[in-house]
Amino acid sequence: MVRHSQRRTSKPTQEEKRLLEGLSTALSAEEVRGLLAAAVLALDTAGRTRLYGRLGKETSGILRALLEKGSTFQRMPALGASSQKIRERWTKLWADWSAAVDEAS
């Protein structure tokens, strides 16, 4: 059994990078999202526990809350964004804003 003692926040392993690149090349974004949901939902309790151990604290907390029966997150229509998602949105919005300013100049 492989143990992952370090919690990870965002840096994927080489194996994960290869898989993600292959999926991005072969499948649409919607297909990748469907595959991800199906794979996570197919995990048994032990598999989910191993997955939580490989994720960062914030990510695993959100995922755990979504998957646990009776969780308040399950009943909520929208979740708060993770810090990484906020940075991703901010970067895109800033790039869009900069492009609009450049175009107007």
PDB file of N, CA and C in Angstrom:
ATOM      1  N   MET A   1       0.831  -1.165   0.000  1.00  0.00           N
ATOM      2  CA  MET A   1       0.000   0.000   0.000  1.00  0.00           C
ATOM      3  C   MET A   1       0.889   1.246   0.000  1.00  0.00           C
ATOM      4  N   VAL A   2       0.549   2.220  -0.832  1.00  0.00           N
ATOM      5  CA  VAL A   2       1.304   3.463  -0.920  1.00  0.00           C
ATOM      6  C   VAL A   2       0.691   4.466   0.043  1.00  0.00           C
ATOM      7  N   ARG A   3       1.521   5.084   0.832  1.00  0.00           N
ATOM      8  CA  ARG A   3       1.037   6.108   1.759  1.00  0.00           C
ATOM      9  C   ARG A   3       1.537   7.463   1.294  1.00  0.00           C
ATOM     10  N   HIS A   4       0.682   8.415   1.363  1.00  0.00           N
ATOM     11  CA  HIS A   4       1.042   9.787   1.013  1.00  0.00           C
ATOM     12  C   HIS A   4       1.037  10.588   2.297  1.00  0.00           C
ATOM     13  N   SER A   5       2.208  10.863   2.824  1.00  0.00           N
ATOM     14  CA  SER A   5       2.299  11.536   4.104  1.00  0.00           C
ATOM     15  C   SER A   5       2.197  13.054   3.959  1.00  0.00           C
ATOM     16  N   GLN A   6       2.539  13.577   2.798  1.00  0.00           N
ATOM     17  CA  GLN A   6       2.449  15.016   2.607  1.00  0.00           C
ATOM     18  C   GLN A   6       1.125  15.366   1.971  1.00  0.00           C
ATOM     19  N   ARG A   7       0.526  16.409   2.456  1.00  0.00           N
ATOM     20  CA  ARG A   7      -0.699  16.902   1.832  1.00  0.00           C
ATOM     21  C   ARG A   7      -0.292  17.807   0.686  1.00  0.00           C
ATOM     22  N   ARG A   8      -1.010  17.691  -0.361  1.00  0.00           N
ATOM     23  CA  ARG A   8      -0.694  18.446  -1.542  1.00  0.00           C
ATOM     24  C   ARG A   8      -1.710  19.562  -1.705  1.00  0.00           C
ATOM     25  N   THR A   9      -1.295  20.646  -2.291  1.00  0.00           N
ATOM     26  CA  THR A   9      -2.228  21.738  -2.502  1.00  0.00           C
ATOM     27  C   THR A   9      -2.603  21.877  -3.964  1.00  0.00           C
ATOM     28  N   SER A  10      -1.657  21.895  -4.853  1.00  0.00           N
ATOM     29  CA  SER A  10      -2.042  22.091  -6.237  1.00  0.00           C
ATOM     30  C   SER A  10      -1.093  21.489  -7.263  1.00  0.00           C
ATOM     31  N   LYS A  11       0.088  21.074  -6.870  1.00  0.00           N
ATOM     32  CA  LYS A  11       1.068  20.618  -7.844  1.00  0.00           C
ATOM     33  C   LYS A  11       0.851  19.140  -8.179  1.00  0.00           C
ATOM     34  N   PRO A  12       0.426  18.854  -9.420  1.00  0.00           N
ATOM     35  CA  PRO A  12       0.179  17.455  -9.795  1.00  0.00           C
ATOM     36  C   PRO A  12       1.476  16.674 -10.004  1.00  0.00           C
ATOM     37  N   THR A  13       1.392  15.361  -9.808  1.00  0.00           N
ATOM     38  CA  THR A  13       2.532  14.488 -10.064  1.00  0.00           C
ATOM     39  C   THR A  13       2.710  14.347 -11.573  1.00  0.00           C
ATOM     40  N   GLN A  14       3.833  13.761 -11.990  1.00  0.00           N
ATOM     41  CA  GLN A  14       4.073  13.535 -13.429  1.00  0.00           C
ATOM     42  C   GLN A  14       2.996  12.629 -14.016  1.00  0.00           C
ATOM     43  N   GLU A  15       2.626  11.603 -13.269  1.00  0.00           N
ATOM     44  CA  GLU A  15       1.586  10.680 -13.738  1.00  0.00           C
ATOM     45  C   GLU A  15       0.257  11.419 -13.928  1.00  0.00           C
ATOM     46  N   GLU A  16      -0.078  12.275 -12.983  1.00  0.00           N
ATOM     47  CA  GLU A  16      -1.310  13.057 -13.095  1.00  0.00           C
ATOM     48  C   GLU A  16      -1.238  14.019 -14.279  1.00  0.00           C
ATOM     49  N   LYS A  17      -0.080  14.647 -14.476  1.00  0.00           N
ATOM     50  CA  LYS A  17       0.092  15.560 -15.612  1.00  0.00           C
ATOM     51  C   LYS A  17      -0.141  14.836 -16.933  1.00  0.00           C
ATOM     52  N   ARG A  18       0.478  13.642 -17.070  1.00  0.00           N
ATOM     53  CA  ARG A  18       0.309  12.868 -18.308  1.00  0.00           C
ATOM     54  C   ARG A  18      -1.159  12.505 -18.528  1.00  0.00           C
ATOM     55  N   LEU A  19      -1.823  12.085 -17.463  1.00  0.00           N
ATOM     56  CA  LEU A  19      -3.230  11.718 -17.576  1.00  0.00           C
ATOM     57  C   LEU A  19      -4.074  12.923 -17.972  1.00  0.00           C
ATOM     58  N   LEU A  20      -3.852  14.050 -17.303  1.00  0.00           N
ATOM     59  CA  LEU A  20      -4.625  15.249 -17.606  1.00  0.00           C
ATOM     60  C   LEU A  20      -4.387  15.747 -19.031  1.00  0.00           C
ATOM     61  N   GLU A  21      -3.144  15.691 -19.475  1.00  0.00           N
ATOM     62  CA  GLU A  21      -2.837  16.097 -20.852  1.00  0.00           C
ATOM     63  C   GLU A  21      -3.536  15.186 -21.850  1.00  0.00           C
ATOM     64  N   GLY A  22      -3.499  13.874 -21.588  1.00  0.00           N
ATOM     65  CA  GLY A  22      -4.177  12.923 -22.470  1.00  0.00           C
ATOM     66  C   GLY A  22      -5.680  13.143 -22.502  1.00  0.00           C
ATOM     67  N   LEU A  23      -6.265  13.361 -21.324  1.00  0.00           N
ATOM     68  CA  LEU A  23      -7.708  13.608 -21.263  1.00  0.00           C
ATOM     69  C   LEU A  23      -8.074  14.900 -21.981  1.00  0.00           C
ATOM     70  N   SER A  24      -7.270  15.946 -21.790  1.00  0.00           N
ATOM     71  CA  SER A  24      -7.533  17.229 -22.440  1.00  0.00           C
ATOM     72  C   SER A  24      -7.428  17.133 -23.955  1.00  0.00           C
ATOM     73  N   THR A  25      -6.526  16.285 -24.419  1.00  0.00           N
ATOM     74  CA  THR A  25      -6.341  16.102 -25.856  1.00  0.00           C
ATOM     75  C   THR A  25      -7.496  15.313 -26.472  1.00  0.00           C
ATOM     76  N   ALA A  26      -7.945  14.287 -25.758  1.00  0.00           N
ATOM     77  CA  ALA A  26      -8.919  13.362 -26.326  1.00  0.00           C
ATOM     78  C   ALA A  26     -10.379  13.685 -26.022  1.00  0.00           C
ATOM     79  N   LEU A  27     -10.636  14.405 -24.934  1.00  0.00           N
ATOM     80  CA  LEU A  27     -12.017  14.633 -24.498  1.00  0.00           C
ATOM     81  C   LEU A  27     -12.330  16.117 -24.379  1.00  0.00           C
ATOM     82  N   SER A  28     -13.618  16.430 -24.481  1.00  0.00           N
ATOM     83  CA  SER A  28     -14.055  17.807 -24.252  1.00  0.00           C
ATOM     84  C   SER A  28     -14.007  18.101 -22.754  1.00  0.00           C
ATOM     85  N   ALA A  29     -14.060  19.372 -22.394  1.00  0.00           N
ATOM     86  CA  ALA A  29     -14.060  19.752 -20.974  1.00  0.00           C
ATOM     87  C   ALA A  29     -15.253  19.125 -20.262  1.00  0.00           C
ATOM     88  N   GLU A  30     -16.401  19.087 -20.900  1.00  0.00           N
ATOM     89  CA  GLU A  30     -17.594  18.480 -20.288  1.00  0.00           C
ATOM     90  C   GLU A  30     -17.403  16.978 -20.072  1.00  0.00           C
ATOM     91  N   GLU A  31     -16.767  16.304 -21.028  1.00  0.00           N
ATOM     92  CA  GLU A  31     -16.499  14.873 -20.864  1.00  0.00           C
ATOM     93  C   GLU A  31     -15.535  14.620 -19.706  1.00  0.00           C
ATOM     94  N   VAL A  32     -14.518  15.461 -19.565  1.00  0.00           N
ATOM     95  CA  VAL A  32     -13.558  15.317 -18.462  1.00  0.00           C
ATOM     96  C   VAL A  32     -14.276  15.528 -17.134  1.00  0.00           C
ATOM     97  N   ARG A  33     -15.137  16.529 -17.049  1.00  0.00           N
ATOM     98  CA  ARG A  33     -15.886  16.763 -15.814  1.00  0.00           C
ATOM     99  C   ARG A  33     -16.795  15.592 -15.488  1.00  0.00           C
ATOM    100  N   GLY A  34     -17.449  15.021 -16.500  1.00  0.00           N
ATOM    101  CA  GLY A  34     -18.304  13.854 -16.273  1.00  0.00           C
ATOM    102  C   GLY A  34     -17.494  12.655 -15.802  1.00  0.00           C
ATOM    103  N   LEU A  35     -16.337  12.462 -16.400  1.00  0.00           N
ATOM    104  CA  LEU A  35     -15.452  11.370 -16.004  1.00  0.00           C
ATOM    105  C   LEU A  35     -15.000  11.546 -14.555  1.00  0.00           C
ATOM    106  N   LEU A  36     -14.643  12.760 -14.185  1.00  0.00           N
ATOM    107  CA  LEU A  36     -14.210  13.036 -12.817  1.00  0.00           C
ATOM    108  C   LEU A  36     -15.326  12.718 -11.825  1.00  0.00           C
ATOM    109  N   ALA A  37     -16.524  13.191 -12.109  1.00  0.00           N
ATOM    110  CA  ALA A  37     -17.644  12.938 -11.200  1.00  0.00           C
ATOM    111  C   ALA A  37     -17.922  11.443 -11.083  1.00  0.00           C
ATOM    112  N   ALA A  38     -17.928  10.741 -12.204  1.00  0.00           N
ATOM    113  CA  ALA A  38     -18.184   9.300 -12.184  1.00  0.00           C
ATOM    114  C   ALA A  38     -17.105   8.562 -11.392  1.00  0.00           C
ATOM    115  N   ALA A  39     -15.848   8.952 -11.578  1.00  0.00           N
ATOM    116  CA  ALA A  39     -14.739   8.286 -10.889  1.00  0.00           C
ATOM    117  C   ALA A  39     -14.814   8.507  -9.382  1.00  0.00           C
ATOM    118  N   VAL A  40     -15.082   9.727  -8.958  1.00  0.00           N
ATOM    119  CA  VAL A  40     -15.159  10.013  -7.524  1.00  0.00           C
ATOM    120  C   VAL A  40     -16.348   9.283  -6.902  1.00  0.00           C
ATOM    121  N   LEU A  41     -17.481   9.296  -7.576  1.00  0.00           N
ATOM    122  CA  LEU A  41     -18.670   8.631  -7.042  1.00  0.00           C
ATOM    123  C   LEU A  41     -18.522   7.113  -7.014  1.00  0.00           C
ATOM    124  N   ALA A  42     -17.654   6.566  -7.854  1.00  0.00           N
ATOM    125  CA  ALA A  42     -17.439   5.118  -7.881  1.00  0.00           C
ATOM    126  C   ALA A  42     -16.544   4.632  -6.742  1.00  0.00           C
ATOM    127  N   LEU A  43     -15.844   5.548  -6.076  1.00  0.00           N
ATOM    128  CA  LEU A  43     -14.935   5.159  -4.994  1.00  0.00           C
ATOM    129  C   LEU A  43     -15.710   4.680  -3.771  1.00  0.00           C
ATOM    130  N   ASP A  44     -15.209   3.618  -3.157  1.00  0.00           N
ATOM    131  CA  ASP A  44     -15.781   3.177  -1.880  1.00  0.00           C
ATOM    132  C   ASP A  44     -15.188   4.044  -0.771  1.00  0.00           C
ATOM    133  N   THR A  45     -15.570   3.789   0.456  1.00  0.00           N
ATOM    134  CA  THR A  45     -15.104   4.595   1.584  1.00  0.00           C
ATOM    135  C   THR A  45     -13.582   4.623   1.681  1.00  0.00           C
ATOM    136  N   ALA A  46     -12.939   3.483   1.514  1.00  0.00           N
ATOM    137  CA  ALA A  46     -11.474   3.434   1.590  1.00  0.00           C
ATOM    138  C   ALA A  46     -10.843   4.242   0.456  1.00  0.00           C
ATOM    139  N   GLY A  47     -11.409   4.158  -0.736  1.00  0.00           N
ATOM    140  CA  GLY A  47     -10.897   4.925  -1.871  1.00  0.00           C
ATOM    141  C   GLY A  47     -11.040   6.417  -1.652  1.00  0.00           C
ATOM    142  N   ARG A  48     -12.175   6.835  -1.099  1.00  0.00           N
ATOM    143  CA  ARG A  48     -12.370   8.257  -0.808  1.00  0.00           C
ATOM    144  C   ARG A  48     -11.392   8.735   0.247  1.00  0.00           C
ATOM    145  N   THR A  49     -11.157   7.912   1.245  1.00  0.00           N
ATOM    146  CA  THR A  49     -10.202   8.271   2.299  1.00  0.00           C
ATOM    147  C   THR A  49      -8.805   8.467   1.710  1.00  0.00           C
ATOM    148  N   ARG A  50      -8.401   7.566   0.794  1.00  0.00           N
ATOM    149  CA  ARG A  50      -7.092   7.720   0.139  1.00  0.00           C
ATOM    150  C   ARG A  50      -7.057   8.999  -0.699  1.00  0.00           C
ATOM    151  N   LEU A  51      -8.142   9.287  -1.386  1.00  0.00           N
ATOM    152  CA  LEU A  51      -8.210  10.500  -2.201  1.00  0.00           C
ATOM    153  C   LEU A  51      -8.097  11.739  -1.320  1.00  0.00           C
ATOM    154  N   TYR A  52      -8.841  11.802  -0.226  1.00  0.00           N
ATOM    155  CA  TYR A  52      -8.758  12.949   0.682  1.00  0.00           C
ATOM    156  C   TYR A  52      -7.322  13.161   1.156  1.00  0.00           C
ATOM    157  N   GLY A  53      -6.616  12.068   1.406  1.00  0.00           N
ATOM    158  CA  GLY A  53      -5.230  12.156   1.860  1.00  0.00           C
ATOM    159  C   GLY A  53      -4.281  12.721   0.829  1.00  0.00           C
ATOM    160  N   ARG A  54      -4.642  12.628  -0.437  1.00  0.00           N
ATOM    161  CA  ARG A  54      -3.782  13.146  -1.509  1.00  0.00           C
ATOM    162  C   ARG A  54      -4.078  14.602  -1.840  1.00  0.00           C
ATOM    163  N   LEU A  55      -5.189  15.111  -1.342  1.00  0.00           N
ATOM    164  CA  LEU A  55      -5.602  16.474  -1.662  1.00  0.00           C
ATOM    165  C   LEU A  55      -5.201  17.438  -0.563  1.00  0.00           C
ATOM    166  N   GLY A  56      -5.184  18.705  -0.892  1.00  0.00           N
ATOM    167  CA  GLY A  56      -4.952  19.729   0.113  1.00  0.00           C
ATOM    168  C   GLY A  56      -6.137  19.793   1.073  1.00  0.00           C
ATOM    169  N   LYS A  57      -5.915  20.403   2.209  1.00  0.00           N
ATOM    170  CA  LYS A  57      -6.931  20.461   3.264  1.00  0.00           C
ATOM    171  C   LYS A  57      -8.217  21.126   2.776  1.00  0.00           C
ATOM    172  N   GLU A  58      -8.090  22.251   2.097  1.00  0.00           N
ATOM    173  CA  GLU A  58      -9.269  22.976   1.623  1.00  0.00           C
ATOM    174  C   GLU A  58     -10.041  22.155   0.597  1.00  0.00           C
ATOM    175  N   THR A  59      -9.330  21.587  -0.367  1.00  0.00           N
ATOM    176  CA  THR A  59      -9.969  20.795  -1.420  1.00  0.00           C
ATOM    177  C   THR A  59     -10.644  19.555  -0.846  1.00  0.00           C
ATOM    178  N   SER A  60      -9.942  18.837   0.021  1.00  0.00           N
ATOM    179  CA  SER A  60     -10.532  17.623   0.585  1.00  0.00           C
ATOM    180  C   SER A  60     -11.730  17.962   1.465  1.00  0.00           C
ATOM    181  N   GLY A  61     -11.686  19.090   2.160  1.00  0.00           N
ATOM    182  CA  GLY A  61     -12.824  19.498   2.982  1.00  0.00           C
ATOM    183  C   GLY A  61     -14.063  19.771   2.158  1.00  0.00           C
ATOM    184  N   ILE A  62     -13.890  20.449   1.032  1.00  0.00           N
ATOM    185  CA  ILE A  62     -15.021  20.735   0.145  1.00  0.00           C
ATOM    186  C   ILE A  62     -15.563  19.443  -0.442  1.00  0.00           C
ATOM    187  N   LEU A  63     -14.679  18.584  -0.932  1.00  0.00           N
ATOM    188  CA  LEU A  63     -15.117  17.323  -1.527  1.00  0.00           C
ATOM    189  C   LEU A  63     -15.825  16.445  -0.500  1.00  0.00           C
ATOM    190  N   ARG A  64     -15.258  16.349   0.682  1.00  0.00           N
ATOM    191  CA  ARG A  64     -15.856  15.536   1.751  1.00  0.00           C
ATOM    192  C   ARG A  64     -17.264  16.043   2.072  1.00  0.00           C
ATOM    193  N   ALA A  65     -17.405  17.360   2.179  1.00  0.00           N
ATOM    194  CA  ALA A  65     -18.709  17.941   2.488  1.00  0.00           C
ATOM    195  C   ALA A  65     -19.729  17.657   1.380  1.00  0.00           C
ATOM    196  N   LEU A  66     -19.276  17.681   0.144  1.00  0.00           N
ATOM    197  CA  LEU A  66     -20.176  17.395  -0.973  1.00  0.00           C
ATOM    198  C   LEU A  66     -20.630  15.940  -0.988  1.00  0.00           C
ATOM    199  N   LEU A  67     -19.760  15.029  -0.579  1.00  0.00           N
ATOM    200  CA  LEU A  67     -20.051  13.604  -0.688  1.00  0.00           C
ATOM    201  C   LEU A  67     -20.751  13.012   0.532  1.00  0.00           C
ATOM    202  N   GLU A  68     -20.604  13.635   1.680  1.00  0.00           N
ATOM    203  CA  GLU A  68     -21.194  13.072   2.892  1.00  0.00           C
ATOM    204  C   GLU A  68     -22.708  13.227   2.872  1.00  0.00           C
ATOM    205  N   LYS A  69     -23.395  12.154   3.199  1.00  0.00           N
ATOM    206  CA  LYS A  69     -24.854  12.189   3.256  1.00  0.00           C
ATOM    207  C   LYS A  69     -25.284  13.128   4.370  1.00  0.00           C
ATOM    208  N   GLY A  70     -26.301  13.935   4.086  1.00  0.00           N
ATOM    209  CA  GLY A  70     -26.815  14.854   5.087  1.00  0.00           C
ATOM    210  C   GLY A  70     -25.997  16.113   5.258  1.00  0.00           C
ATOM    211  N   SER A  71     -24.930  16.266   4.479  1.00  0.00           N
ATOM    212  CA  SER A  71     -24.084  17.446   4.588  1.00  0.00           C
ATOM    213  C   SER A  71     -24.871  18.688   4.195  1.00  0.00           C
ATOM    214  N   THR A  72     -24.610  19.791   4.886  1.00  0.00           N
ATOM    215  CA  THR A  72     -25.279  21.042   4.515  1.00  0.00           C
ATOM    216  C   THR A  72     -24.844  21.480   3.123  1.00  0.00           C
ATOM    217  N   PHE A  73     -23.604  21.146   2.726  1.00  0.00           N
ATOM    218  CA  PHE A  73     -23.140  21.488   1.383  1.00  0.00           C
ATOM    219  C   PHE A  73     -23.946  20.752   0.320  1.00  0.00           C
ATOM    220  N   GLN A  74     -24.381  19.516   0.605  1.00  0.00           N
ATOM    221  CA  GLN A  74     -25.165  18.774  -0.375  1.00  0.00           C
ATOM    222  C   GLN A  74     -26.478  19.463  -0.662  1.00  0.00           C
ATOM    223  N   ARG A  75     -27.051  20.114   0.346  1.00  0.00           N
ATOM    224  CA  ARG A  75     -28.354  20.744   0.184  1.00  0.00           C
ATOM    225  C   ARG A  75     -28.255  22.163  -0.342  1.00  0.00           C
ATOM    226  N   MET A  76     -27.056  22.721  -0.378  1.00  0.00           N
ATOM    227  CA  MET A  76     -26.877  24.088  -0.848  1.00  0.00           C
ATOM    228  C   MET A  76     -26.735  24.114  -2.366  1.00  0.00           C
ATOM    229  N   PRO A  77     -27.368  25.088  -3.034  1.00  0.00           N
ATOM    230  CA  PRO A  77     -27.260  25.153  -4.492  1.00  0.00           C
ATOM    231  C   PRO A  77     -25.884  25.565  -4.986  1.00  0.00           C
ATOM    232  N   ALA A  78     -25.141  26.317  -4.203  1.00  0.00           N
ATOM    233  CA  ALA A  78     -23.814  26.768  -4.647  1.00  0.00           C
ATOM    234  C   ALA A  78     -22.847  26.748  -3.466  1.00  0.00           C
ATOM    235  N   LEU A  79     -21.611  26.424  -3.750  1.00  0.00           N
ATOM    236  CA  LEU A  79     -20.556  26.406  -2.737  1.00  0.00           C
ATOM    237  C   LEU A  79     -19.714  27.660  -2.857  1.00  0.00           C
ATOM    238  N   GLY A  80     -19.093  28.029  -1.761  1.00  0.00           N
ATOM    239  CA  GLY A  80     -18.101  29.090  -1.824  1.00  0.00           C
ATOM    240  C   GLY A  80     -16.890  28.572  -2.583  1.00  0.00           C
ATOM    241  N   ALA A  81     -16.258  29.442  -3.298  1.00  0.00           N
ATOM    242  CA  ALA A  81     -15.098  29.046  -4.099  1.00  0.00           C
ATOM    243  C   ALA A  81     -13.872  28.845  -3.214  1.00  0.00           C
ATOM    244  N   SER A  82     -13.019  27.900  -3.621  1.00  0.00           N
ATOM    245  CA  SER A  82     -11.747  27.698  -2.923  1.00  0.00           C
ATOM    246  C   SER A  82     -10.829  28.867  -3.246  1.00  0.00           C
ATOM    247  N   SER A  83      -9.774  29.016  -2.467  1.00  0.00           N
ATOM    248  CA  SER A  83      -8.836  30.117  -2.710  1.00  0.00           C
ATOM    249  C   SER A  83      -8.185  29.996  -4.092  1.00  0.00           C
ATOM    250  N   GLN A  84      -7.915  28.768  -4.523  1.00  0.00           N
ATOM    251  CA  GLN A  84      -7.314  28.587  -5.848  1.00  0.00           C
ATOM    252  C   GLN A  84      -8.305  28.972  -6.953  1.00  0.00           C
ATOM    253  N   LYS A  85      -9.601  28.650  -6.755  1.00  0.00           N
ATOM    254  CA  LYS A  85     -10.618  29.014  -7.739  1.00  0.00           C
ATOM    255  C   LYS A  85     -10.759  30.526  -7.811  1.00  0.00           C
ATOM    256  N   ILE A  86     -10.684  31.199  -6.674  1.00  0.00           N
ATOM    257  CA  ILE A  86     -10.762  32.663  -6.660  1.00  0.00           C
ATOM    258  C   ILE A  86      -9.583  33.260  -7.419  1.00  0.00           C
ATOM    259  N   ARG A  87      -8.358  32.719  -7.190  1.00  0.00           N
ATOM    260  CA  ARG A  87      -7.189  33.202  -7.938  1.00  0.00           C
ATOM    261  C   ARG A  87      -7.371  32.962  -9.436  1.00  0.00           C
ATOM    262  N   GLU A  88      -7.893  31.797  -9.809  1.00  0.00           N
ATOM    263  CA  GLU A  88      -8.124  31.484 -11.215  1.00  0.00           C
ATOM    264  C   GLU A  88      -9.100  32.487 -11.840  1.00  0.00           C
ATOM    265  N   ARG A  89     -10.201  32.748 -11.153  1.00  0.00           N
ATOM    266  CA  ARG A  89     -11.195  33.717 -11.660  1.00  0.00           C
ATOM    267  C   ARG A  89     -10.591  35.112 -11.766  1.00  0.00           C
ATOM    268  N   TRP A  90      -9.843  35.513 -10.724  1.00  0.00           N
ATOM    269  CA  TRP A  90      -9.230  36.837 -10.711  1.00  0.00           C
ATOM    270  C   TRP A  90      -8.264  36.991 -11.885  1.00  0.00           C
ATOM    271  N   THR A  91      -7.441  35.992 -12.124  1.00  0.00           N
ATOM    272  CA  THR A  91      -6.475  36.045 -13.226  1.00  0.00           C
ATOM    273  C   THR A  91      -7.198  36.198 -14.560  1.00  0.00           C
ATOM    274  N   LYS A  92      -8.272  35.444 -14.764  1.00  0.00           N
ATOM    275  CA  LYS A  92      -9.030  35.535 -16.017  1.00  0.00           C
ATOM    276  C   LYS A  92      -9.696  36.904 -16.153  1.00  0.00           C
ATOM    277  N   LEU A  93     -10.315  37.369 -15.084  1.00  0.00           N
ATOM    278  CA  LEU A  93     -10.961  38.676 -15.138  1.00  0.00           C
ATOM    279  C   LEU A  93      -9.957  39.789 -15.391  1.00  0.00           C
ATOM    280  N   TRP A  94      -8.785  39.687 -14.758  1.00  0.00           N
ATOM    281  CA  TRP A  94      -7.748  40.704 -14.969  1.00  0.00           C
ATOM    282  C   TRP A  94      -7.266  40.695 -16.422  1.00  0.00           C
ATOM    283  N   ALA A  95      -7.089  39.503 -16.984  1.00  0.00           N
ATOM    284  CA  ALA A  95      -6.668  39.393 -18.380  1.00  0.00           C
ATOM    285  C   ALA A  95      -7.749  39.968 -19.311  1.00  0.00           C
ATOM    286  N   ASP A  96      -9.009  39.671 -19.022  1.00  0.00           N
ATOM    287  CA  ASP A  96     -10.113  40.215 -19.833  1.00  0.00           C
ATOM    288  C   ASP A  96     -10.150  41.735 -19.727  1.00  0.00           C
ATOM    289  N   TRP A  97      -9.984  42.257 -18.514  1.00  0.00           N
ATOM    290  CA  TRP A  97      -9.992  43.697 -18.295  1.00  0.00           C
ATOM    291  C   TRP A  97      -8.832  44.350 -19.049  1.00  0.00           C
ATOM    292  N   SER A  98      -7.642  43.772 -18.941  1.00  0.00           N
ATOM    293  CA  SER A  98      -6.465  44.327 -19.614  1.00  0.00           C
ATOM    294  C   SER A  98      -6.666  44.326 -21.132  1.00  0.00           C
ATOM    295  N   ALA A  99      -7.246  43.270 -21.654  1.00  0.00           N
ATOM    296  CA  ALA A  99      -7.502  43.184 -23.096  1.00  0.00           C
ATOM    297  C   ALA A  99      -8.498  44.257 -23.530  1.00  0.00           C
ATOM    298  N   ALA A 100      -9.524  44.490 -22.721  1.00  0.00           N
ATOM    299  CA  ALA A 100     -10.518  45.508 -23.043  1.00  0.00           C
ATOM    300  C   ALA A 100      -9.911  46.904 -23.014  1.00  0.00           C
ATOM    301  N   VAL A 101      -9.051  47.161 -22.028  1.00  0.00           N
ATOM    302  CA  VAL A 101      -8.384  48.463 -21.920  1.00  0.00           C
ATOM    303  C   VAL A 101      -7.447  48.666 -23.109  1.00  0.00           C
ATOM    304  N   ASP A 102      -6.689  47.635 -23.454  1.00  0.00           N
ATOM    305  CA  ASP A 102      -5.783  47.732 -24.599  1.00  0.00           C
ATOM    306  C   ASP A 102      -6.553  47.985 -25.890  1.00  0.00           C
ATOM    307  N   GLU A 103      -7.685  47.327 -26.029  1.00  0.00           N
ATOM    308  CA  GLU A 103      -8.498  47.478 -27.235  1.00  0.00           C
ATOM    309  C   GLU A 103      -9.084  48.897 -27.316  1.00  0.00           C
ATOM    310  N   ALA A 104      -9.456  49.447 -26.182  1.00  0.00           N
ATOM    311  CA  ALA A 104     -10.048  50.783 -26.154  1.00  0.00           C
ATOM    312  C   ALA A 104      -9.004  51.876 -26.351  1.00  0.00           C
ATOM    313  N   SER A 105      -7.751  51.565 -26.087  1.00  0.00           N
ATOM    314  CA  SER A 105      -6.696  52.594 -26.189  1.00  0.00           C
ATOM    315  C   SER A 105      -6.313  52.884 -27.603  1.00  0.00           C
TER     316      SER A 105
END
